[in-house]
Amino acid sequence: MTTSPRIGIAGITGRLGALCAEEAGDSLAGGLSRHADAARSITNNPAELATRCDVIIDVSHASTAATHAEAFTAAKCPWVLGTTGLDATAQAAVSEAAKHIPVLQAANFSPALTLFLELAKQLGAGLPGYDAEIVEIHHRQKVDAPSGTALAIGRAVAEGRNVAFEDVARLDQNGARPDNAIGFASLRGGQIIGEHDLLFMAADEQITLSHRALDRRVFARGALMAARWLAHQPPGLYGMADVLRRKD
């Protein structure tokens, strides 16, 4: 019988981090936050947390990614990274860490959304002449737009079309729509957890893929699934699709 890995949560006091901690149950080894709380096994030192864990789920902030990469690599601790909005320097640190430890990077831990990305890639490849637009809606507190998930959908479409995402992403909707562009529209309001629509439109037909998150626990449960899988993998850079394909 495989022993459940000891799981640490970076960003444990945040909305998703707290849910991950609840879902981890007895597997929770501690957490990382800006303010330490010894009574709750929460530290503000990533190296310290890494020594207690077999794997860490990181849902903290993009600004911490490079520091976490260094600390978790030094401790040889597998790293599930769900933080989005990383700049080039931070992403390079993640890629370097993956040469030494297993790293799973995902903009969204939902199993259904993971399959959505696979379908987005297939449709991008099969409908090259169709206009592709991504519409996403989130709660009013969300600060980044488009969402990391929306950008991941756009990258999947671009990959299917074998084009560089940066060359076709249309983040500004002003002006006439260029050919081959992948467009984005972001709405913010209320307490909507997350809604994403991918539309492919031609003059004579349209197809839409939609995903609705109804409970944030779907992301926490997906993150825990990823952590338990990643704890037993060799160094490398993985995604949620790897977890769904290879649940060994």
Foldseek 3Di string as FASTA:
>chain_A
DDDFWQEEEEQCVDPLNVLLQVVCPPSHQAYADCDADVVRRYDPDLLVSLLRTLAYEYAHELVCQLVNLVSNLVSLHEYEYQYDDHDPVSVVSQQVSLVRHAYAYEVFLFPVLVVVLVVLLVVLQVCVQWAKEKEKEAEQPDDDPPRRSSVSSLVSSCVSVVHDSVVAEDDDPPDDHDTRHYYYDYYYHDGQHMKMKIWTDDPPDIDIDIDGDPDSSSRSVSSSLVRSQRSPDGRHYHYSVCCVVDVD
